[in-house]
């Protein structure tokens, strides 16, 4: 009973905290506007052209369905996906018998980068939801449905394909899945699901879905900043240091 109350509290805490921030605009990130522009072009012409490579067909086609209200609908979807992310994360911690589940879940829901992503048109929280759903389904041994969720994780945001390697670690060491056939089934379903979602992208670009970024250099300071201050913010970093 306590867990149910905690889940309801977390769900509505996440939603209510975002309400003041979803009704004014798609946000300052140019990619938000590119998704909306692509949706409008699809609506007008019926022709798919990626807002940016490697392609984000889920949000782009959803944007094409709602006309001038698309930015608000996508914002609302981001909030809902975030709320369900927190619910699933709580259930994963519950499955793993982790203490202080509610505090850990609230920390996820209110960390700086998650809060920002949850009030925009971007697919970050959509993909994170499918990742967490896949992990929870793996723990419950629902291999086919887990594969479907992981396929949607990559289908909504292709760059998250890099998470498949740590997922293998999770499968073997956390979920204790030992049968090779389960791995083939899981990733087979995931690949098939991703392939279906990406049909418009492959039809348009074949396998040439990666952008040519030309020469680039690695800025260590920027990387450190992105993975510390940008994600957690000042208060979040202080909390990690104190904890």
Foldseek 3Di string as FASTA:
>chain_A
DVLVVLLVVLLVVLLVVCVVQQPDFQDDDVLLVLLLVQLCCCLVPVAHDASAFPHQQVLSVQSVVPPPCSWSVLLNVLSNLLSLLLSLQLVVCVLVVHPPSSVVSVLSSPFQLSSVRSRHNACPSVLSSLQSVLLSVLLVVVLLVSLLSLLVSCLRPVVCVVCVVVVVVCNCPPSVDDDPVSVCNSPVSSVVNNCVSCVSSCVVQNPPRDDDPDDDDDDPVVVVCCVACVGGNPVRNVVVVVD
